[in-house]
Amino acid sequence: MSTVWTAIAAAAVVSFVIKAAGPALVGDRDLPPWSMGIIGMLAPALLAGLVVVDVFGPGWSSLDATVIAGLAATAAATLLRAPMLVAVLAGIAATALLRLAFG
């Protein structure tokens, strides 16, 4: 087995151990009420971080009006209290339709 595959296998094992540690250590205990709010905010924070890195990262030169419109559609759907998946899909659809319309 090559070094690359050994590294991939080791990373998979470490990832599994880390993910299994939480349920194994906490067991059947309930989480504190304050932690549920934090867990609920992880998805929007992660999405915002990914958008910022994607828009302002190394590929920022490919930023055009369609991407801005897609981000605006996502923000509008979020402000209208749409579920996160629906808001992201609205942004994707807006960007795709504008790219289709304007080439």
PDB file of N, CA and C in Angstrom:
ATOM      1  N   MET A   1       0.845  -1.169   0.000  1.00  0.00           N
ATOM      2  CA  MET A   1       0.000   0.000   0.000  1.00  0.00           C
ATOM      3  C   MET A   1       0.893   1.235   0.000  1.00  0.00           C
ATOM      4  N   SER A   2       0.532   2.207  -0.838  1.00  0.00           N
ATOM      5  CA  SER A   2       1.372   3.395  -0.947  1.00  0.00           C
ATOM      6  C   SER A   2       1.185   4.313   0.260  1.00  0.00           C
ATOM      7  N   THR A   3       2.047   5.282   0.352  1.00  0.00           N
ATOM      8  CA  THR A   3       2.005   6.231   1.467  1.00  0.00           C
ATOM      9  C   THR A   3       0.720   7.048   1.439  1.00  0.00           C
ATOM     10  N   VAL A   4       0.262   7.396   0.240  1.00  0.00           N
ATOM     11  CA  VAL A   4      -0.960   8.196   0.121  1.00  0.00           C
ATOM     12  C   VAL A   4      -2.151   7.419   0.676  1.00  0.00           C
ATOM     13  N   TRP A   5      -2.285   6.152   0.294  1.00  0.00           N
ATOM     14  CA  TRP A   5      -3.407   5.361   0.774  1.00  0.00           C
ATOM     15  C   TRP A   5      -3.311   5.095   2.269  1.00  0.00           C
ATOM     16  N   THR A   6      -2.115   4.968   2.769  1.00  0.00           N
ATOM     17  CA  THR A   6      -1.940   4.809   4.218  1.00  0.00           C
ATOM     18  C   THR A   6      -2.393   6.068   4.947  1.00  0.00           C
ATOM     19  N   ALA A   7      -2.060   7.233   4.400  1.00  0.00           N
ATOM     20  CA  ALA A   7      -2.488   8.503   5.001  1.00  0.00           C
ATOM     21  C   ALA A   7      -3.996   8.658   4.934  1.00  0.00           C
ATOM     22  N   ILE A   8      -4.611   8.255   3.820  1.00  0.00           N
ATOM     23  CA  ILE A   8      -6.067   8.341   3.686  1.00  0.00           C
ATOM     24  C   ILE A   8      -6.745   7.420   4.698  1.00  0.00           C
ATOM     25  N   ALA A   9      -6.234   6.200   4.832  1.00  0.00           N
ATOM     26  CA  ALA A   9      -6.805   5.253   5.797  1.00  0.00           C
ATOM     27  C   ALA A   9      -6.650   5.767   7.225  1.00  0.00           C
ATOM     28  N   ALA A  10      -5.493   6.333   7.537  1.00  0.00           N
ATOM     29  CA  ALA A  10      -5.275   6.881   8.880  1.00  0.00           C
ATOM     30  C   ALA A  10      -6.209   8.054   9.155  1.00  0.00           C
ATOM     31  N   ALA A  11      -6.400   8.909   8.174  1.00  0.00           N
ATOM     32  CA  ALA A  11      -7.315  10.047   8.340  1.00  0.00           C
ATOM     33  C   ALA A  11      -8.745   9.559   8.539  1.00  0.00           C
ATOM     34  N   ALA A  12      -9.137   8.512   7.823  1.00  0.00           N
ATOM     35  CA  ALA A  12     -10.481   7.960   7.990  1.00  0.00           C
ATOM     36  C   ALA A  12     -10.674   7.389   9.387  1.00  0.00           C
ATOM     37  N   VAL A  13      -9.684   6.676   9.889  1.00  0.00           N
ATOM     38  CA  VAL A  13      -9.775   6.091  11.232  1.00  0.00           C
ATOM     39  C   VAL A  13      -9.839   7.186  12.290  1.00  0.00           C
ATOM     40  N   VAL A  14      -8.984   8.194  12.168  1.00  0.00           N
ATOM     41  CA  VAL A  14      -8.985   9.305  13.135  1.00  0.00           C
ATOM     42  C   VAL A  14     -10.318  10.040  13.094  1.00  0.00           C
ATOM     43  N   SER A  15     -10.856  10.276  11.894  1.00  0.00           N
ATOM     44  CA  SER A  15     -12.153  10.948  11.764  1.00  0.00           C
ATOM     45  C   SER A  15     -13.252  10.132  12.428  1.00  0.00           C
ATOM     46  N   PHE A  16     -13.243   8.823  12.209  1.00  0.00           N
ATOM     47  CA  PHE A  16     -14.246   7.965  12.831  1.00  0.00           C
ATOM     48  C   PHE A  16     -14.149   8.012  14.349  1.00  0.00           C
ATOM     49  N   VAL A  17     -12.938   7.949  14.872  1.00  0.00           N
ATOM     50  CA  VAL A  17     -12.741   7.965  16.324  1.00  0.00           C
ATOM     51  C   VAL A  17     -13.224   9.287  16.919  1.00  0.00           C
ATOM     52  N   ILE A  18     -12.914  10.382  16.263  1.00  0.00           N
ATOM     53  CA  ILE A  18     -13.345  11.689  16.763  1.00  0.00           C
ATOM     54  C   ILE A  18     -14.868  11.793  16.745  1.00  0.00           C
ATOM     55  N   LYS A  19     -15.495  11.336  15.659  1.00  0.00           N
ATOM     56  CA  LYS A  19     -16.957  11.419  15.563  1.00  0.00           C
ATOM     57  C   LYS A  19     -17.643  10.470  16.540  1.00  0.00           C
ATOM     58  N   ALA A  20     -17.027   9.352  16.846  1.00  0.00           N
ATOM     59  CA  ALA A  20     -17.624   8.389  17.763  1.00  0.00           C
ATOM     60  C   ALA A  20     -17.396   8.770  19.222  1.00  0.00           C
ATOM     61  N   ALA A  21     -16.443   9.636  19.482  1.00  0.00           N
ATOM     62  CA  ALA A  21     -16.108   9.992  20.858  1.00  0.00           C
ATOM     63  C   ALA A  21     -17.258  10.728  21.546  1.00  0.00           C
ATOM     64  N   GLY A  22     -17.939  11.604  20.840  1.00  0.00           N
ATOM     65  CA  GLY A  22     -19.034  12.364  21.448  1.00  0.00           C
ATOM     66  C   GLY A  22     -20.131  11.471  21.987  1.00  0.00           C
ATOM     67  N   PRO A  23     -20.763  10.662  21.125  1.00  0.00           N
ATOM     68  CA  PRO A  23     -21.823   9.775  21.637  1.00  0.00           C
ATOM     69  C   PRO A  23     -21.306   8.771  22.675  1.00  0.00           C
ATOM     70  N   ALA A  24     -20.070   8.320  22.524  1.00  0.00           N
ATOM     71  CA  ALA A  24     -19.538   7.339  23.478  1.00  0.00           C
ATOM     72  C   ALA A  24     -19.326   7.973  24.853  1.00  0.00           C
ATOM     73  N   LEU A  25     -18.879   9.214  24.898  1.00  0.00           N
ATOM     74  CA  LEU A  25     -18.616   9.874  26.176  1.00  0.00           C
ATOM     75  C   LEU A  25     -19.885  10.426  26.809  1.00  0.00           C
ATOM     76  N   VAL A  26     -20.779  10.988  26.004  1.00  0.00           N
ATOM     77  CA  VAL A  26     -21.995  11.598  26.536  1.00  0.00           C
ATOM     78  C   VAL A  26     -23.031  10.525  26.859  1.00  0.00           C
ATOM     79  N   GLY A  27     -23.102   9.491  26.041  1.00  0.00           N
ATOM     80  CA  GLY A  27     -24.044   8.406  26.287  1.00  0.00           C
ATOM     81  C   GLY A  27     -25.477   8.848  26.132  1.00  0.00           C
ATOM     82  N   ASP A  28     -26.313   8.494  27.090  1.00  0.00           N
ATOM     83  CA  ASP A  28     -27.741   8.821  26.982  1.00  0.00           C
ATOM     84  C   ASP A  28     -28.118  10.070  27.778  1.00  0.00           C
ATOM     85  N   ARG A  29     -27.128  10.833  28.170  1.00  0.00           N
ATOM     86  CA  ARG A  29     -27.419  12.072  28.907  1.00  0.00           C
ATOM     87  C   ARG A  29     -27.965  13.128  27.961  1.00  0.00           C
ATOM     88  N   ASP A  30     -28.852  13.969  28.464  1.00  0.00           N
ATOM     89  CA  ASP A  30     -29.397  15.077  27.682  1.00  0.00           C
ATOM     90  C   ASP A  30     -28.412  16.237  27.678  1.00  0.00           C
ATOM     91  N   LEU A  31     -28.377  16.941  26.565  1.00  0.00           N
ATOM     92  CA  LEU A  31     -27.527  18.128  26.473  1.00  0.00           C
ATOM     93  C   LEU A  31     -28.177  19.281  27.211  1.00  0.00           C
ATOM     94  N   PRO A  32     -27.391  20.227  27.722  1.00  0.00           N
ATOM     95  CA  PRO A  32     -27.977  21.390  28.385  1.00  0.00           C
ATOM     96  C   PRO A  32     -28.782  22.220  27.384  1.00  0.00           C
ATOM     97  N   PRO A  33     -29.812  22.903  27.853  1.00  0.00           N
ATOM     98  CA  PRO A  33     -30.667  23.684  26.942  1.00  0.00           C
ATOM     99  C   PRO A  33     -29.903  24.755  26.156  1.00  0.00           C
ATOM    100  N   TRP A  34     -28.890  25.368  26.768  1.00  0.00           N
ATOM    101  CA  TRP A  34     -28.161  26.425  26.063  1.00  0.00           C
ATOM    102  C   TRP A  34     -27.382  25.878  24.878  1.00  0.00           C
ATOM    103  N   SER A  35     -27.011  24.615  24.912  1.00  0.00           N
ATOM    104  CA  SER A  35     -26.229  24.055  23.805  1.00  0.00           C
ATOM    105  C   SER A  35     -27.076  23.856  22.552  1.00  0.00           C
ATOM    106  N   MET A  36     -28.372  23.680  22.702  1.00  0.00           N
ATOM    107  CA  MET A  36     -29.232  23.485  21.540  1.00  0.00           C
ATOM    108  C   MET A  36     -29.263  24.738  20.659  1.00  0.00           C
ATOM    109  N   GLY A  37     -29.221  25.914  21.263  1.00  0.00           N
ATOM    110  CA  GLY A  37     -29.157  27.149  20.477  1.00  0.00           C
ATOM    111  C   GLY A  37     -27.861  27.263  19.700  1.00  0.00           C
ATOM    112  N   ILE A  38     -26.780  26.859  20.323  1.00  0.00           N
ATOM    113  CA  ILE A  38     -25.476  26.895  19.648  1.00  0.00           C
ATOM    114  C   ILE A  38     -25.457  25.907  18.491  1.00  0.00           C
ATOM    115  N   ILE A  39     -25.957  24.715  18.717  1.00  0.00           N
ATOM    116  CA  ILE A  39     -25.989  23.706  17.660  1.00  0.00           C
ATOM    117  C   ILE A  39     -26.868  24.175  16.504  1.00  0.00           C
ATOM    118  N   GLY A  40     -27.959  24.846  16.806  1.00  0.00           N
ATOM    119  CA  GLY A  40     -28.848  25.361  15.763  1.00  0.00           C
ATOM    120  C   GLY A  40     -28.211  26.444  14.906  1.00  0.00           C
ATOM    121  N   MET A  41     -27.251  27.158  15.463  1.00  0.00           N
ATOM    122  CA  MET A  41     -26.604  28.239  14.709  1.00  0.00           C
ATOM    123  C   MET A  41     -25.358  27.780  13.953  1.00  0.00           C
ATOM    124  N   LEU A  42     -24.954  26.532  14.094  1.00  0.00           N
ATOM    125  CA  LEU A  42     -23.756  26.057  13.417  1.00  0.00           C
ATOM    126  C   LEU A  42     -23.923  26.032  11.898  1.00  0.00           C
ATOM    127  N   ALA A  43     -25.072  25.574  11.396  1.00  0.00           N
ATOM    128  CA  ALA A  43     -25.275  25.483   9.951  1.00  0.00           C
ATOM    129  C   ALA A  43     -25.228  26.864   9.281  1.00  0.00           C
ATOM    130  N   PRO A  44     -25.953  27.891   9.774  1.00  0.00           N
ATOM    131  CA  PRO A  44     -25.845  29.202   9.132  1.00  0.00           C
ATOM    132  C   PRO A  44     -24.437  29.795   9.226  1.00  0.00           C
ATOM    133  N   ALA A  45     -23.755  29.566  10.344  1.00  0.00           N
ATOM    134  CA  ALA A  45     -22.398  30.099  10.472  1.00  0.00           C
ATOM    135  C   ALA A  45     -21.447  29.412   9.499  1.00  0.00           C
ATOM    136  N   LEU A  46     -21.590  28.113   9.356  1.00  0.00           N
ATOM    137  CA  LEU A  46     -20.760  27.379   8.403  1.00  0.00           C
ATOM    138  C   LEU A  46     -21.047  27.829   6.982  1.00  0.00           C
ATOM    139  N   LEU A  47     -22.324  27.999   6.641  1.00  0.00           N
ATOM    140  CA  LEU A  47     -22.687  28.465   5.301  1.00  0.00           C
ATOM    141  C   LEU A  47     -22.107  29.851   5.030  1.00  0.00           C
ATOM    142  N   ALA A  48     -22.210  30.753   6.003  1.00  0.00           N
ATOM    143  CA  ALA A  48     -21.654  32.088   5.822  1.00  0.00           C
ATOM    144  C   ALA A  48     -20.146  32.033   5.624  1.00  0.00           C
ATOM    145  N   GLY A  49     -19.473  31.212   6.393  1.00  0.00           N
ATOM    146  CA  GLY A  49     -18.023  31.073   6.229  1.00  0.00           C
ATOM    147  C   GLY A  49     -17.649  30.531   4.862  1.00  0.00           C
ATOM    148  N   LEU A  50     -18.390  29.539   4.383  1.00  0.00           N
ATOM    149  CA  LEU A  50     -18.105  28.983   3.061  1.00  0.00           C
ATOM    150  C   LEU A  50     -18.348  30.005   1.955  1.00  0.00           C
ATOM    151  N   VAL A  51     -19.412  30.793   2.097  1.00  0.00           N
ATOM    152  CA  VAL A  51     -19.705  31.820   1.088  1.00  0.00           C
ATOM    153  C   VAL A  51     -18.607  32.871   1.072  1.00  0.00           C
ATOM    154  N   VAL A  52     -18.187  33.342   2.234  1.00  0.00           N
ATOM    155  CA  VAL A  52     -17.144  34.366   2.292  1.00  0.00           C
ATOM    156  C   VAL A  52     -15.838  33.856   1.702  1.00  0.00           C
ATOM    157  N   VAL A  53     -15.469  32.630   2.049  1.00  0.00           N
ATOM    158  CA  VAL A  53     -14.231  32.069   1.508  1.00  0.00           C
ATOM    159  C   VAL A  53     -14.337  31.896  -0.003  1.00  0.00           C
ATOM    160  N   ASP A  54     -15.495  31.453  -0.481  1.00  0.00           N
ATOM    161  CA  ASP A  54     -15.661  31.237  -1.909  1.00  0.00           C
ATOM    162  C   ASP A  54     -15.690  32.553  -2.683  1.00  0.00           C
ATOM    163  N   VAL A  55     -16.375  33.548  -2.146  1.00  0.00           N
ATOM    164  CA  VAL A  55     -16.502  34.828  -2.862  1.00  0.00           C
ATOM    165  C   VAL A  55     -15.209  35.634  -2.796  1.00  0.00           C
ATOM    166  N   PHE A  56     -14.586  35.696  -1.640  1.00  0.00           N
ATOM    167  CA  PHE A  56     -13.415  36.552  -1.472  1.00  0.00           C
ATOM    168  C   PHE A  56     -12.094  35.785  -1.465  1.00  0.00           C
ATOM    169  N   GLY A  57     -12.146  34.493  -1.730  1.00  0.00           N
ATOM    170  CA  GLY A  57     -10.943  33.672  -1.747  1.00  0.00           C
ATOM    171  C   GLY A  57     -10.173  33.837  -3.048  1.00  0.00           C
ATOM    172  N   PRO A  58      -9.374  32.839  -3.404  1.00  0.00           N
ATOM    173  CA  PRO A  58      -8.537  32.924  -4.602  1.00  0.00           C
ATOM    174  C   PRO A  58      -9.338  33.091  -5.894  1.00  0.00           C
ATOM    175  N   GLY A  59     -10.576  32.615  -5.912  1.00  0.00           N
ATOM    176  CA  GLY A  59     -11.376  32.715  -7.135  1.00  0.00           C
ATOM    177  C   GLY A  59     -12.221  33.974  -7.204  1.00  0.00           C
ATOM    178  N   TRP A  60     -11.902  34.988  -6.436  1.00  0.00           N
ATOM    179  CA  TRP A  60     -12.741  36.192  -6.400  1.00  0.00           C
ATOM    180  C   TRP A  60     -12.802  36.896  -7.735  1.00  0.00           C
ATOM    181  N   SER A  61     -11.850  36.663  -8.627  1.00  0.00           N
ATOM    182  CA  SER A  61     -11.860  37.344  -9.922  1.00  0.00           C
ATOM    183  C   SER A  61     -13.013  36.860 -10.793  1.00  0.00           C
ATOM    184  N   SER A  62     -13.598  35.692 -10.488  1.00  0.00           N
ATOM    185  CA  SER A  62     -14.729  35.202 -11.273  1.00  0.00           C
ATOM    186  C   SER A  62     -16.066  35.696 -10.723  1.00  0.00           C
ATOM    187  N   LEU A  63     -16.030  36.582  -9.751  1.00  0.00           N
ATOM    188  CA  LEU A  63     -17.247  37.137  -9.175  1.00  0.00           C
ATOM    189  C   LEU A  63     -17.932  38.018 -10.200  1.00  0.00           C
ATOM    190  N   ASP A  64     -19.212  37.764 -10.437  1.00  0.00           N
ATOM    191  CA  ASP A  64     -19.967  38.584 -11.372  1.00  0.00           C
ATOM    192  C   ASP A  64     -21.345  38.881 -10.796  1.00  0.00           C
ATOM    193  N   ALA A  65     -22.171  39.547 -11.570  1.00  0.00           N
ATOM    194  CA  ALA A  65     -23.481  39.974 -11.084  1.00  0.00           C
ATOM    195  C   ALA A  65     -24.386  38.792 -10.761  1.00  0.00           C
ATOM    196  N   THR A  66     -24.213  37.675 -11.453  1.00  0.00           N
ATOM    197  CA  THR A  66     -25.079  36.526 -11.176  1.00  0.00           C
ATOM    198  C   THR A  66     -24.822  35.948  -9.789  1.00  0.00           C
ATOM    199  N   VAL A  67     -23.576  35.951  -9.366  1.00  0.00           N
ATOM    200  CA  VAL A  67     -23.248  35.456  -8.021  1.00  0.00           C
ATOM    201  C   VAL A  67     -23.822  36.393  -6.968  1.00  0.00           C
ATOM    202  N   ILE A  68     -23.693  37.681  -7.192  1.00  0.00           N
ATOM    203  CA  ILE A  68     -24.259  38.662  -6.257  1.00  0.00           C
ATOM    204  C   ILE A  68     -25.771  38.494  -6.170  1.00  0.00           C
ATOM    205  N   ALA A  69     -26.434  38.275  -7.307  1.00  0.00           N
ATOM    206  CA  ALA A  69     -27.884  38.077  -7.311  1.00  0.00           C
ATOM    207  C   ALA A  69     -28.257  36.792  -6.579  1.00  0.00           C
ATOM    208  N   GLY A  70     -27.466  35.748  -6.739  1.00  0.00           N
ATOM    209  CA  GLY A  70     -27.730  34.497  -6.021  1.00  0.00           C
ATOM    210  C   GLY A  70     -27.588  34.666  -4.521  1.00  0.00           C
ATOM    211  N   LEU A  71     -26.552  35.397  -4.105  1.00  0.00           N
ATOM    212  CA  LEU A  71     -26.383  35.671  -2.673  1.00  0.00           C
ATOM    213  C   LEU A  71     -27.534  36.513  -2.140  1.00  0.00           C
ATOM    214  N   ALA A  72     -27.993  37.470  -2.947  1.00  0.00           N
ATOM    215  CA  ALA A  72     -29.124  38.300  -2.537  1.00  0.00           C
ATOM    216  C   ALA A  72     -30.399  37.465  -2.418  1.00  0.00           C
ATOM    217  N   ALA A  73     -30.603  36.532  -3.347  1.00  0.00           N
ATOM    218  CA  ALA A  73     -31.781  35.659  -3.279  1.00  0.00           C
ATOM    219  C   ALA A  73     -31.728  34.780  -2.034  1.00  0.00           C
ATOM    220  N   THR A  74     -30.548  34.285  -1.702  1.00  0.00           N
ATOM    221  CA  THR A  74     -30.401  33.475  -0.495  1.00  0.00           C
ATOM    222  C   THR A  74     -30.685  34.304   0.751  1.00  0.00           C
ATOM    223  N   ALA A  75     -30.160  35.518   0.780  1.00  0.00           N
ATOM    224  CA  ALA A  75     -30.402  36.396   1.933  1.00  0.00           C
ATOM    225  C   ALA A  75     -31.883  36.737   2.055  1.00  0.00           C
ATOM    226  N   ALA A  76     -32.529  37.010   0.929  1.00  0.00           N
ATOM    227  CA  ALA A  76     -33.955  37.342   0.961  1.00  0.00           C
ATOM    228  C   ALA A  76     -34.783  36.160   1.453  1.00  0.00           C
ATOM    229  N   ALA A  77     -34.469  34.973   0.976  1.00  0.00           N
ATOM    230  CA  ALA A  77     -35.209  33.792   1.431  1.00  0.00           C
ATOM    231  C   ALA A  77     -34.985  33.547   2.923  1.00  0.00           C
ATOM    232  N   THR A  78     -33.780  33.807   3.385  1.00  0.00           N
ATOM    233  CA  THR A  78     -33.493  33.643   4.808  1.00  0.00           C
ATOM    234  C   THR A  78     -34.273  34.661   5.640  1.00  0.00           C
ATOM    235  N   LEU A  79     -34.328  35.896   5.159  1.00  0.00           N
ATOM    236  CA  LEU A  79     -35.090  36.928   5.875  1.00  0.00           C
ATOM    237  C   LEU A  79     -36.582  36.630   5.888  1.00  0.00           C
ATOM    238  N   LEU A  80     -37.062  35.908   4.873  1.00  0.00           N
ATOM    239  CA  LEU A  80     -38.472  35.517   4.831  1.00  0.00           C
ATOM    240  C   LEU A  80     -38.738  34.238   5.625  1.00  0.00           C
ATOM    241  N   ARG A  81     -37.741  33.816   6.400  1.00  0.00           N
ATOM    242  CA  ARG A  81     -37.837  32.657   7.294  1.00  0.00           C
ATOM    243  C   ARG A  81     -37.982  31.334   6.548  1.00  0.00           C
ATOM    244  N   ALA A  82     -37.427  31.251   5.362  1.00  0.00           N
ATOM    245  CA  ALA A  82     -37.413  29.972   4.638  1.00  0.00           C
ATOM    246  C   ALA A  82     -36.397  29.061   5.306  1.00  0.00           C
ATOM    247  N   PRO A  83     -36.606  27.757   5.254  1.00  0.00           N
ATOM    248  CA  PRO A  83     -35.590  26.838   5.784  1.00  0.00           C
ATOM    249  C   PRO A  83     -34.268  27.032   5.033  1.00  0.00           C
ATOM    250  N   MET A  84     -33.161  26.702   5.686  1.00  0.00           N
ATOM    251  CA  MET A  84     -31.845  26.955   5.113  1.00  0.00           C
ATOM    252  C   MET A  84     -31.675  26.271   3.755  1.00  0.00           C
ATOM    253  N   LEU A  85     -32.143  25.039   3.639  1.00  0.00           N
ATOM    254  CA  LEU A  85     -32.013  24.326   2.378  1.00  0.00           C
ATOM    255  C   LEU A  85     -32.782  25.041   1.267  1.00  0.00           C
ATOM    256  N   VAL A  86     -33.964  25.528   1.571  1.00  0.00           N
ATOM    257  CA  VAL A  86     -34.761  26.255   0.580  1.00  0.00           C
ATOM    258  C   VAL A  86     -34.072  27.561   0.199  1.00  0.00           C
ATOM    259  N   ALA A  87     -33.488  28.246   1.175  1.00  0.00           N
ATOM    260  CA  ALA A  87     -32.794  29.506   0.895  1.00  0.00           C
ATOM    261  C   ALA A  87     -31.589  29.273  -0.013  1.00  0.00           C
ATOM    262  N   VAL A  88     -30.831  28.230   0.257  1.00  0.00           N
ATOM    263  CA  VAL A  88     -29.670  27.920  -0.579  1.00  0.00           C
ATOM    264  C   VAL A  88     -30.121  27.531  -1.984  1.00  0.00           C
ATOM    265  N   LEU A  89     -31.164  26.724  -2.078  1.00  0.00           N
ATOM    266  CA  LEU A  89     -31.684  26.341  -3.391  1.00  0.00           C
ATOM    267  C   LEU A  89     -32.217  27.546  -4.161  1.00  0.00           C
ATOM    268  N   ALA A  90     -32.798  28.517  -3.471  1.00  0.00           N
ATOM    269  CA  ALA A  90     -33.257  29.741  -4.139  1.00  0.00           C
ATOM    270  C   ALA A  90     -32.081  30.514  -4.718  1.00  0.00           C
ATOM    271  N   GLY A  91     -30.994  30.590  -3.977  1.00  0.00           N
ATOM    272  CA  GLY A  91     -29.801  31.265  -4.484  1.00  0.00           C
ATOM    273  C   GLY A  91     -29.199  30.545  -5.676  1.00  0.00           C
ATOM    274  N   ILE A  92     -29.165  29.218  -5.606  1.00  0.00           N
ATOM    275  CA  ILE A  92     -28.641  28.437  -6.725  1.00  0.00           C
ATOM    276  C   ILE A  92     -29.507  28.632  -7.963  1.00  0.00           C
ATOM    277  N   ALA A  93     -30.819  28.571  -7.769  1.00  0.00           N
ATOM    278  CA  ALA A  93     -31.731  28.738  -8.901  1.00  0.00           C
ATOM    279  C   ALA A  93     -31.617  30.132  -9.505  1.00  0.00           C
ATOM    280  N   ALA A  94     -31.523  31.155  -8.677  1.00  0.00           N
ATOM    281  CA  ALA A  94     -31.387  32.519  -9.191  1.00  0.00           C
ATOM    282  C   ALA A  94     -30.105  32.684  -9.999  1.00  0.00           C
ATOM    283  N   THR A  95     -29.019  32.166  -9.474  1.00  0.00           N
ATOM    284  CA  THR A  95     -27.735  32.262 -10.194  1.00  0.00           C
ATOM    285  C   THR A  95     -27.798  31.496 -11.509  1.00  0.00           C
ATOM    286  N   ALA A  96     -28.335  30.286 -11.478  1.00  0.00           N
ATOM    287  CA  ALA A  96     -28.407  29.476 -12.700  1.00  0.00           C
ATOM    288  C   ALA A  96     -29.301  30.111 -13.748  1.00  0.00           C
ATOM    289  N   LEU A  97     -30.450  30.639 -13.336  1.00  0.00           N
ATOM    290  CA  LEU A  97     -31.364  31.259 -14.301  1.00  0.00           C
ATOM    291  C   LEU A  97     -30.756  32.524 -14.914  1.00  0.00           C
ATOM    292  N   LEU A  98     -30.075  33.314 -14.109  1.00  0.00           N
ATOM    293  CA  LEU A  98     -29.441  34.527 -14.652  1.00  0.00           C
ATOM    294  C   LEU A  98     -28.295  34.174 -15.593  1.00  0.00           C
ATOM    295  N   ARG A  99     -27.541  33.159 -15.269  1.00  0.00           N
ATOM    296  CA  ARG A  99     -26.459  32.739 -16.179  1.00  0.00           C
ATOM    297  C   ARG A  99     -27.023  32.183 -17.472  1.00  0.00           C
ATOM    298  N   LEU A 100     -28.153  31.486 -17.375  1.00  0.00           N
ATOM    299  CA  LEU A 100     -28.800  30.969 -18.571  1.00  0.00           C
ATOM    300  C   LEU A 100     -29.352  32.108 -19.432  1.00  0.00           C
ATOM    301  N   ALA A 101     -29.919  33.121 -18.784  1.00  0.00           N
ATOM    302  CA  ALA A 101     -30.522  34.231 -19.515  1.00  0.00           C
ATOM    303  C   ALA A 101     -29.480  35.155 -20.151  1.00  0.00           C
ATOM    304  N   PHE A 102     -28.387  35.409 -19.437  1.00  0.00           N
ATOM    305  CA  PHE A 102     -27.404  36.386 -19.925  1.00  0.00           C
ATOM    306  C   PHE A 102     -26.114  35.765 -20.422  1.00  0.00           C
ATOM    307  N   GLY A 103     -26.039  34.450 -20.425  1.00  0.00           N
ATOM    308  CA  GLY A 103     -24.855  33.761 -20.970  1.00  0.00           C
ATOM    309  C   GLY A 103     -23.708  33.854 -20.107  1.00  0.00           C
TER     310      GLY A 103
END
